[in-house]
Amino acid sequence: MTTFLAIAENSKLEFQSFQSKAIGKLEMIEDKLMISTITLMPTVQIADELQKERAEKVLHKAAAACLITNSIKSKIIFLPEIIVAIMAE
């Protein structure tokens, strides 16, 4: 989330909300329990369809630059979602 927030700010991405969910797969590998796969599912809500491409780029840049993701051995599956929802005024 911290990486996303920094890149979103630098990219001037206006978003309404950010949430992320992760699921880890625990397996016995070489007689040891390991988290073999982590599926990351960030969701970004934006108000303007014109920001969708920018939001996609920011999410992918954040995934590539994430210190934690780049520091672990587990396979990472990245499944971002962008929701366009105009808020009532």
PDB file of N, CA and C in Angstrom:
ATOM      1  N   MET A   1       0.827  -1.199   0.000  1.00  0.00           N
ATOM      2  CA  MET A   1       0.000   0.000   0.000  1.00  0.00           C
ATOM      3  C   MET A   1       0.867   1.259   0.000  1.00  0.00           C
ATOM      4  N   THR A   2       1.943   1.240   0.769  1.00  0.00           N
ATOM      5  CA  THR A   2       2.808   2.416   0.838  1.00  0.00           C
ATOM      6  C   THR A   2       3.412   2.724  -0.528  1.00  0.00           C
ATOM      7  N   THR A   3       3.847   1.687  -1.231  1.00  0.00           N
ATOM      8  CA  THR A   3       4.419   1.882  -2.565  1.00  0.00           C
ATOM      9  C   THR A   3       3.350   2.421  -3.509  1.00  0.00           C
ATOM     10  N   PHE A   4       2.151   1.863  -3.449  1.00  0.00           N
ATOM     11  CA  PHE A   4       1.053   2.352  -4.285  1.00  0.00           C
ATOM     12  C   PHE A   4       0.783   3.829  -4.016  1.00  0.00           C
ATOM     13  N   LEU A   5       0.688   4.208  -2.743  1.00  0.00           N
ATOM     14  CA  LEU A   5       0.384   5.599  -2.400  1.00  0.00           C
ATOM     15  C   LEU A   5       1.443   6.559  -2.929  1.00  0.00           C
ATOM     16  N   ALA A   6       2.704   6.186  -2.818  1.00  0.00           N
ATOM     17  CA  ALA A   6       3.790   7.046  -3.308  1.00  0.00           C
ATOM     18  C   ALA A   6       3.735   7.196  -4.825  1.00  0.00           C
ATOM     19  N   ILE A   7       3.540   6.089  -5.522  1.00  0.00           N
ATOM     20  CA  ILE A   7       3.499   6.142  -6.986  1.00  0.00           C
ATOM     21  C   ILE A   7       2.233   6.854  -7.455  1.00  0.00           C
ATOM     22  N   ALA A   8       1.113   6.645  -6.778  1.00  0.00           N
ATOM     23  CA  ALA A   8      -0.133   7.330  -7.136  1.00  0.00           C
ATOM     24  C   ALA A   8       0.024   8.842  -7.007  1.00  0.00           C
ATOM     25  N   GLU A   9       0.677   9.265  -5.925  1.00  0.00           N
ATOM     26  CA  GLU A   9       0.893  10.700  -5.729  1.00  0.00           C
ATOM     27  C   GLU A   9       1.797  11.269  -6.823  1.00  0.00           C
ATOM     28  N   ASN A  10       2.883  10.587  -7.112  1.00  0.00           N
ATOM     29  CA  ASN A  10       3.803  11.058  -8.162  1.00  0.00           C
ATOM     30  C   ASN A  10       3.158  11.053  -9.539  1.00  0.00           C
ATOM     31  N   SER A  11       2.222  10.146  -9.752  1.00  0.00           N
ATOM     32  CA  SER A  11       1.547  10.021 -11.044  1.00  0.00           C
ATOM     33  C   SER A  11       0.289  10.880 -11.137  1.00  0.00           C
ATOM     34  N   LYS A  12      -0.010  11.593 -10.062  1.00  0.00           N
ATOM     35  CA  LYS A  12      -1.200  12.448 -10.009  1.00  0.00           C
ATOM     36  C   LYS A  12      -2.487  11.645 -10.248  1.00  0.00           C
ATOM     37  N   LEU A  13      -2.520  10.424  -9.710  1.00  0.00           N
ATOM     38  CA  LEU A  13      -3.714   9.595  -9.806  1.00  0.00           C
ATOM     39  C   LEU A  13      -4.697   9.997  -8.720  1.00  0.00           C
ATOM     40  N   GLU A  14      -5.876  10.393  -9.140  1.00  0.00           N
ATOM     41  CA  GLU A  14      -6.930  10.727  -8.186  1.00  0.00           C
ATOM     42  C   GLU A  14      -7.784   9.475  -7.996  1.00  0.00           C
ATOM     43  N   PHE A  15      -7.800   8.961  -6.768  1.00  0.00           N
ATOM     44  CA  PHE A  15      -8.589   7.775  -6.486  1.00  0.00           C
ATOM     45  C   PHE A  15      -9.396   8.001  -5.218  1.00  0.00           C
ATOM     46  N   GLN A  16     -10.487   7.262  -5.110  1.00  0.00           N
ATOM     47  CA  GLN A  16     -11.391   7.417  -3.975  1.00  0.00           C
ATOM     48  C   GLN A  16     -11.043   6.468  -2.841  1.00  0.00           C
ATOM     49  N   SER A  17     -10.621   5.267  -3.193  1.00  0.00           N
ATOM     50  CA  SER A  17     -10.257   4.314  -2.154  1.00  0.00           C
ATOM     51  C   SER A  17      -9.283   3.280  -2.690  1.00  0.00           C
ATOM     52  N   PHE A  18      -8.566   2.662  -1.756  1.00  0.00           N
ATOM     53  CA  PHE A  18      -7.636   1.574  -2.063  1.00  0.00           C
ATOM     54  C   PHE A  18      -7.813   0.507  -0.999  1.00  0.00           C
ATOM     55  N   GLN A  19      -8.001  -0.718  -1.430  1.00  0.00           N
ATOM     56  CA  GLN A  19      -8.075  -1.857  -0.515  1.00  0.00           C
ATOM     57  C   GLN A  19      -7.242  -2.968  -1.131  1.00  0.00           C
ATOM     58  N   SER A  20      -6.745  -3.833  -0.306  1.00  0.00           N
ATOM     59  CA  SER A  20      -6.002  -4.968  -0.831  1.00  0.00           C
ATOM     60  C   SER A  20      -6.257  -6.194   0.024  1.00  0.00           C
ATOM     61  N   LYS A  21      -6.352  -7.308  -0.643  1.00  0.00           N
ATOM     62  CA  LYS A  21      -6.545  -8.587   0.023  1.00  0.00           C
ATOM     63  C   LYS A  21      -5.441  -9.512  -0.482  1.00  0.00           C
ATOM     64  N   ALA A  22      -4.964 -10.396   0.380  1.00  0.00           N
ATOM     65  CA  ALA A  22      -3.939 -11.357  -0.014  1.00  0.00           C
ATOM     66  C   ALA A  22      -4.316 -12.733   0.501  1.00  0.00           C
ATOM     67  N   ILE A  23      -4.036 -13.736  -0.309  1.00  0.00           N
ATOM     68  CA  ILE A  23      -4.261 -15.123   0.074  1.00  0.00           C
ATOM     69  C   ILE A  23      -2.956 -15.876  -0.145  1.00  0.00           C
ATOM     70  N   GLY A  24      -2.529 -16.586   0.892  1.00  0.00           N
ATOM     71  CA  GLY A  24      -1.310 -17.378   0.792  1.00  0.00           C
ATOM     72  C   GLY A  24      -1.617 -18.859   0.707  1.00  0.00           C
ATOM     73  N   LYS A  25      -0.828 -19.584  -0.078  1.00  0.00           N
ATOM     74  CA  LYS A  25      -0.976 -21.033  -0.196  1.00  0.00           C
ATOM     75  C   LYS A  25       0.160 -21.695   0.574  1.00  0.00           C
ATOM     76  N   LEU A  26      -0.189 -22.474   1.579  1.00  0.00           N
ATOM     77  CA  LEU A  26       0.778 -23.163   2.422  1.00  0.00           C
ATOM     78  C   LEU A  26       0.942 -24.590   1.896  1.00  0.00           C
ATOM     79  N   GLU A  27       2.195 -24.976   1.621  1.00  0.00           N
ATOM     80  CA  GLU A  27       2.470 -26.304   1.080  1.00  0.00           C
ATOM     81  C   GLU A  27       3.660 -26.934   1.789  1.00  0.00           C
ATOM     82  N   MET A  28       3.696 -28.261   1.742  1.00  0.00           N
ATOM     83  CA  MET A  28       4.841 -28.997   2.230  1.00  0.00           C
ATOM     84  C   MET A  28       5.810 -29.132   1.051  1.00  0.00           C
ATOM     85  N   ILE A  29       6.962 -28.500   1.166  1.00  0.00           N
ATOM     86  CA  ILE A  29       7.977 -28.542   0.115  1.00  0.00           C
ATOM     87  C   ILE A  29       9.283 -28.994   0.748  1.00  0.00           C
ATOM     88  N   GLU A  30       9.822 -30.091   0.227  1.00  0.00           N
ATOM     89  CA  GLU A  30      11.061 -30.670   0.754  1.00  0.00           C
ATOM     90  C   GLU A  30      10.977 -30.849   2.274  1.00  0.00           C
ATOM     91  N   ASP A  31       9.883 -31.428   2.721  1.00  0.00           N
ATOM     92  CA  ASP A  31       9.638 -31.726   4.139  1.00  0.00           C
ATOM     93  C   ASP A  31       9.539 -30.492   5.032  1.00  0.00           C
ATOM     94  N   LYS A  32       9.259 -29.335   4.439  1.00  0.00           N
ATOM     95  CA  LYS A  32       9.073 -28.108   5.213  1.00  0.00           C
ATOM     96  C   LYS A  32       7.805 -27.415   4.760  1.00  0.00           C
ATOM     97  N   LEU A  33       7.074 -26.865   5.727  1.00  0.00           N
ATOM     98  CA  LEU A  33       5.922 -26.053   5.365  1.00  0.00           C
ATOM     99  C   LEU A  33       6.405 -24.697   4.854  1.00  0.00           C
ATOM    100  N   MET A  34       5.900 -24.310   3.688  1.00  0.00           N
ATOM    101  CA  MET A  34       6.272 -23.025   3.089  1.00  0.00           C
ATOM    102  C   MET A  34       5.040 -22.369   2.486  1.00  0.00           C
ATOM    103  N   ILE A  35       5.035 -21.056   2.504  1.00  0.00           N
ATOM    104  CA  ILE A  35       4.029 -20.332   1.731  1.00  0.00           C
ATOM    105  C   ILE A  35       4.599 -20.262   0.323  1.00  0.00           C
ATOM    106  N   SER A  36       4.014 -21.055  -0.576  1.00  0.00           N
ATOM    107  CA  SER A  36       4.557 -21.179  -1.926  1.00  0.00           C
ATOM    108  C   SER A  36       4.041 -20.112  -2.878  1.00  0.00           C
ATOM    109  N   THR A  37       2.809 -19.689  -2.657  1.00  0.00           N
ATOM    110  CA  THR A  37       2.181 -18.726  -3.563  1.00  0.00           C
ATOM    111  C   THR A  37       1.395 -17.708  -2.750  1.00  0.00           C
ATOM    112  N   ILE A  38       1.498 -16.456  -3.158  1.00  0.00           N
ATOM    113  CA  ILE A  38       0.696 -15.392  -2.555  1.00  0.00           C
ATOM    114  C   ILE A  38      -0.057 -14.693  -3.685  1.00  0.00           C
ATOM    115  N   THR A  39      -1.362 -14.625  -3.534  1.00  0.00           N
ATOM    116  CA  THR A  39      -2.183 -13.919  -4.513  1.00  0.00           C
ATOM    117  C   THR A  39      -2.565 -12.571  -3.918  1.00  0.00           C
ATOM    118  N   LEU A  40      -2.154 -11.506  -4.590  1.00  0.00           N
ATOM    119  CA  LEU A  40      -2.459 -10.139  -4.160  1.00  0.00           C
ATOM    120  C   LEU A  40      -3.617  -9.610  -4.996  1.00  0.00           C
ATOM    121  N   MET A  41      -4.612  -9.064  -4.318  1.00  0.00           N
ATOM    122  CA  MET A  41      -5.809  -8.576  -5.005  1.00  0.00           C
ATOM    123  C   MET A  41      -6.123  -7.140  -4.583  1.00  0.00           C
ATOM    124  N   PRO A  42      -5.365  -6.180  -5.108  1.00  0.00           N
ATOM    125  CA  PRO A  42      -5.670  -4.791  -4.762  1.00  0.00           C
ATOM    126  C   PRO A  42      -6.880  -4.285  -5.552  1.00  0.00           C
ATOM    127  N   THR A  43      -7.652  -3.429  -4.915  1.00  0.00           N
ATOM    128  CA  THR A  43      -8.806  -2.800  -5.562  1.00  0.00           C
ATOM    129  C   THR A  43      -8.683  -1.298  -5.386  1.00  0.00           C
ATOM    130  N   VAL A  44      -8.741  -0.597  -6.502  1.00  0.00           N
ATOM    131  CA  VAL A  44      -8.690   0.864  -6.493  1.00  0.00           C
ATOM    132  C   VAL A  44     -10.007   1.370  -7.052  1.00  0.00           C
ATOM    133  N   GLN A  45     -10.604   2.314  -6.341  1.00  0.00           N
ATOM    134  CA  GLN A  45     -11.838   2.932  -6.817  1.00  0.00           C
ATOM    135  C   GLN A  45     -11.521   4.329  -7.309  1.00  0.00           C
ATOM    136  N   ILE A  46     -11.953   4.604  -8.531  1.00  0.00           N
ATOM    137  CA  ILE A  46     -11.751   5.921  -9.142  1.00  0.00           C
ATOM    138  C   ILE A  46     -13.110   6.471  -9.560  1.00  0.00           C
ATOM    139  N   ALA A  47     -13.173   7.773  -9.756  1.00  0.00           N
ATOM    140  CA  ALA A  47     -14.443   8.407 -10.112  1.00  0.00           C
ATOM    141  C   ALA A  47     -14.553   8.688 -11.605  1.00  0.00           C
ATOM    142  N   ASP A  48     -13.449   8.577 -12.324  1.00  0.00           N
ATOM    143  CA  ASP A  48     -13.426   8.992 -13.724  1.00  0.00           C
ATOM    144  C   ASP A  48     -12.849   7.875 -14.585  1.00  0.00           C
ATOM    145  N   GLU A  49     -13.635   7.416 -15.537  1.00  0.00           N
ATOM    146  CA  GLU A  49     -13.200   6.364 -16.473  1.00  0.00           C
ATOM    147  C   GLU A  49     -11.889   6.752 -17.168  1.00  0.00           C
ATOM    148  N   LEU A  50     -11.665   8.045 -17.348  1.00  0.00           N
ATOM    149  CA  LEU A  50     -10.449   8.512 -18.015  1.00  0.00           C
ATOM    150  C   LEU A  50      -9.190   8.234 -17.180  1.00  0.00           C
ATOM    151  N   GLN A  51      -9.356   7.978 -15.898  1.00  0.00           N
ATOM    152  CA  GLN A  51      -8.226   7.669 -15.008  1.00  0.00           C
ATOM    153  C   GLN A  51      -7.907   6.172 -14.965  1.00  0.00           C
ATOM    154  N   LYS A  52      -8.704   5.350 -15.639  1.00  0.00           N
ATOM    155  CA  LYS A  52      -8.554   3.892 -15.532  1.00  0.00           C
ATOM    156  C   LYS A  52      -7.190   3.410 -16.024  1.00  0.00           C
ATOM    157  N   GLU A  53      -6.747   3.873 -17.161  1.00  0.00           N
ATOM    158  CA  GLU A  53      -5.449   3.459 -17.690  1.00  0.00           C
ATOM    159  C   GLU A  53      -4.314   3.891 -16.754  1.00  0.00           C
ATOM    160  N   ARG A  54      -4.407   5.085 -16.228  1.00  0.00           N
ATOM    161  CA  ARG A  54      -3.401   5.569 -15.285  1.00  0.00           C
ATOM    162  C   ARG A  54      -3.394   4.709 -14.023  1.00  0.00           C
ATOM    163  N   ALA A  55      -4.584   4.368 -13.526  1.00  0.00           N
ATOM    164  CA  ALA A  55      -4.680   3.523 -12.332  1.00  0.00           C
ATOM    165  C   ALA A  55      -4.041   2.158 -12.578  1.00  0.00           C
ATOM    166  N   GLU A  56      -4.270   1.573 -13.746  1.00  0.00           N
ATOM    167  CA  GLU A  56      -3.656   0.283 -14.086  1.00  0.00           C
ATOM    168  C   GLU A  56      -2.134   0.389 -14.077  1.00  0.00           C
ATOM    169  N   LYS A  57      -1.607   1.446 -14.672  1.00  0.00           N
ATOM    170  CA  LYS A  57      -0.155   1.641 -14.712  1.00  0.00           C
ATOM    171  C   LYS A  57       0.420   1.806 -13.307  1.00  0.00           C
ATOM    172  N   VAL A  58      -0.275   2.578 -12.476  1.00  0.00           N
ATOM    173  CA  VAL A  58       0.196   2.801 -11.105  1.00  0.00           C
ATOM    174  C   VAL A  58       0.202   1.483 -10.328  1.00  0.00           C
ATOM    175  N   LEU A  59      -0.847   0.696 -10.457  1.00  0.00           N
ATOM    176  CA  LEU A  59      -0.904  -0.587  -9.759  1.00  0.00           C
ATOM    177  C   LEU A  59       0.251  -1.498 -10.183  1.00  0.00           C
ATOM    178  N   HIS A  60       0.512  -1.576 -11.465  1.00  0.00           N
ATOM    179  CA  HIS A  60       1.587  -2.452 -11.947  1.00  0.00           C
ATOM    180  C   HIS A  60       2.974  -1.925 -11.561  1.00  0.00           C
ATOM    181  N   LYS A  61       3.149  -0.613 -11.574  1.00  0.00           N
ATOM    182  CA  LYS A  61       4.418  -0.039 -11.115  1.00  0.00           C
ATOM    183  C   LYS A  61       4.629  -0.325  -9.629  1.00  0.00           C
ATOM    184  N   ALA A  62       3.570  -0.195  -8.853  1.00  0.00           N
ATOM    185  CA  ALA A  62       3.670  -0.456  -7.416  1.00  0.00           C
ATOM    186  C   ALA A  62       4.011  -1.916  -7.154  1.00  0.00           C
ATOM    187  N   ALA A  63       3.406  -2.821  -7.898  1.00  0.00           N
ATOM    188  CA  ALA A  63       3.710  -4.246  -7.726  1.00  0.00           C
ATOM    189  C   ALA A  63       5.175  -4.533  -8.056  1.00  0.00           C
ATOM    190  N   ALA A  64       5.674  -3.925  -9.121  1.00  0.00           N
ATOM    191  CA  ALA A  64       7.060  -4.153  -9.538  1.00  0.00           C
ATOM    192  C   ALA A  64       8.067  -3.539  -8.570  1.00  0.00           C
ATOM    193  N   ALA A  65       7.690  -2.456  -7.905  1.00  0.00           N
ATOM    194  CA  ALA A  65       8.619  -1.736  -7.033  1.00  0.00           C
ATOM    195  C   ALA A  65       8.498  -2.104  -5.559  1.00  0.00           C
ATOM    196  N   CYS A  66       7.548  -2.942  -5.211  1.00  0.00           N
ATOM    197  CA  CYS A  66       7.285  -3.249  -3.800  1.00  0.00           C
ATOM    198  C   CYS A  66       8.472  -3.959  -3.138  1.00  0.00           C
ATOM    199  N   LEU A  67       8.971  -3.360  -2.082  1.00  0.00           N
ATOM    200  CA  LEU A  67      10.116  -3.909  -1.345  1.00  0.00           C
ATOM    201  C   LEU A  67       9.804  -5.287  -0.773  1.00  0.00           C
ATOM    202  N   ILE A  68       8.632  -5.461  -0.226  1.00  0.00           N
ATOM    203  CA  ILE A  68       8.272  -6.750   0.386  1.00  0.00           C
ATOM    204  C   ILE A  68       8.125  -7.824  -0.686  1.00  0.00           C
ATOM    205  N   THR A  69       7.391  -7.520  -1.743  1.00  0.00           N
ATOM    206  CA  THR A  69       7.208  -8.485  -2.825  1.00  0.00           C
ATOM    207  C   THR A  69       8.549  -8.912  -3.413  1.00  0.00           C
ATOM    208  N   ASN A  70       9.450  -7.970  -3.560  1.00  0.00           N
ATOM    209  CA  ASN A  70      10.753  -8.270  -4.147  1.00  0.00           C
ATOM    210  C   ASN A  70      11.699  -8.966  -3.174  1.00  0.00           C
ATOM    211  N   SER A  71      11.306  -9.105  -1.926  1.00  0.00           N
ATOM    212  CA  SER A  71      12.180  -9.694  -0.905  1.00  0.00           C
ATOM    213  C   SER A  71      11.803 -11.119  -0.512  1.00  0.00           C
ATOM    214  N   ILE A  72      10.746 -11.650  -1.082  1.00  0.00           N
ATOM    215  CA  ILE A  72      10.312 -12.982  -0.678  1.00  0.00           C
ATOM    216  C   ILE A  72      10.472 -13.986  -1.822  1.00  0.00           C
ATOM    217  N   LYS A  73      10.579 -15.260  -1.453  1.00  0.00           N
ATOM    218  CA  LYS A  73      10.768 -16.333  -2.428  1.00  0.00           C
ATOM    219  C   LYS A  73       9.467 -16.807  -3.064  1.00  0.00           C
ATOM    220  N   SER A  74       8.365 -16.591  -2.406  1.00  0.00           N
ATOM    221  CA  SER A  74       7.079 -17.108  -2.868  1.00  0.00           C
ATOM    222  C   SER A  74       6.709 -16.546  -4.235  1.00  0.00           C
ATOM    223  N   LYS A  75       5.984 -17.362  -4.999  1.00  0.00           N
ATOM    224  CA  LYS A  75       5.448 -16.899  -6.272  1.00  0.00           C
ATOM    225  C   LYS A  75       4.351 -15.889  -5.969  1.00  0.00           C
ATOM    226  N   ILE A  76       4.332 -14.788  -6.689  1.00  0.00           N
ATOM    227  CA  ILE A  76       3.322 -13.747  -6.492  1.00  0.00           C
ATOM    228  C   ILE A  76       2.388 -13.724  -7.701  1.00  0.00           C
ATOM    229  N   ILE A  77       1.114 -13.833  -7.422  1.00  0.00           N
ATOM    230  CA  ILE A  77       0.092 -13.686  -8.459  1.00  0.00           C
ATOM    231  C   ILE A  77      -0.592 -12.351  -8.190  1.00  0.00           C
ATOM    232  N   PHE A  78      -0.646 -11.496  -9.205  1.00  0.00           N
ATOM    233  CA  PHE A  78      -1.160 -10.137  -9.038  1.00  0.00           C
ATOM    234  C   PHE A  78      -2.469 -10.001  -9.806  1.00  0.00           C
ATOM    235  N   LEU A  79      -3.561  -9.772  -9.090  1.00  0.00           N
ATOM    236  CA  LEU A  79      -4.890  -9.661  -9.693  1.00  0.00           C
ATOM    237  C   LEU A  79      -5.541  -8.331  -9.296  1.00  0.00           C
ATOM    238  N   PRO A  80      -5.125  -7.232  -9.930  1.00  0.00           N
ATOM    239  CA  PRO A  80      -5.701  -5.935  -9.571  1.00  0.00           C
ATOM    240  C   PRO A  80      -7.110  -5.752 -10.130  1.00  0.00           C
ATOM    241  N   GLU A  81      -7.870  -4.909  -9.455  1.00  0.00           N
ATOM    242  CA  GLU A  81      -9.220  -4.558  -9.905  1.00  0.00           C
ATOM    243  C   GLU A  81      -9.377  -3.046  -9.795  1.00  0.00           C
ATOM    244  N   ILE A  82      -9.977  -2.474 -10.817  1.00  0.00           N
ATOM    245  CA  ILE A  82     -10.256  -1.032 -10.806  1.00  0.00           C
ATOM    246  C   ILE A  82     -11.755  -0.855 -10.950  1.00  0.00           C
ATOM    247  N   ILE A  83     -12.321  -0.105 -10.023  1.00  0.00           N
ATOM    248  CA  ILE A  83     -13.753   0.152 -10.022  1.00  0.00           C
ATOM    249  C   ILE A  83     -13.965   1.622 -10.321  1.00  0.00           C
ATOM    250  N   VAL A  84     -14.810   1.899 -11.318  1.00  0.00           N
ATOM    251  CA  VAL A  84     -15.170   3.279 -11.625  1.00  0.00           C
ATOM    252  C   VAL A  84     -16.529   3.532 -10.998  1.00  0.00           C
ATOM    253  N   ALA A  85     -16.540   4.401 -10.001  1.00  0.00           N
ATOM    254  CA  ALA A  85     -17.780   4.689  -9.271  1.00  0.00           C
ATOM    255  C   ALA A  85     -17.850   6.179  -8.982  1.00  0.00           C
ATOM    256  N   ILE A  86     -18.748   6.828  -9.654  1.00  0.00           N
ATOM    257  CA  ILE A  86     -18.926   8.266  -9.443  1.00  0.00           C
ATOM    258  C   ILE A  86     -19.699   8.458  -8.142  1.00  0.00           C
ATOM    259  N   MET A  87     -19.103   9.220  -7.246  1.00  0.00           N
ATOM    260  CA  MET A  87     -19.738   9.459  -5.939  1.00  0.00           C
ATOM    261  C   MET A  87     -20.770  10.566  -6.066  1.00  0.00           C
ATOM    262  N   ALA A  88     -21.878  10.380  -5.397  1.00  0.00           N
ATOM    263  CA  ALA A  88     -22.931  11.394  -5.375  1.00  0.00           C
ATOM    264  C   ALA A  88     -22.468  12.593  -4.550  1.00  0.00           C
ATOM    265  N   GLU A  89     -22.848  13.754  -5.009  1.00  0.00           N
ATOM    266  CA  GLU A  89     -22.439  14.972  -4.289  1.00  0.00           C
ATOM    267  C   GLU A  89     -23.532  15.481  -3.410  1.00  0.00           C
TER     268      GLU A  89
END
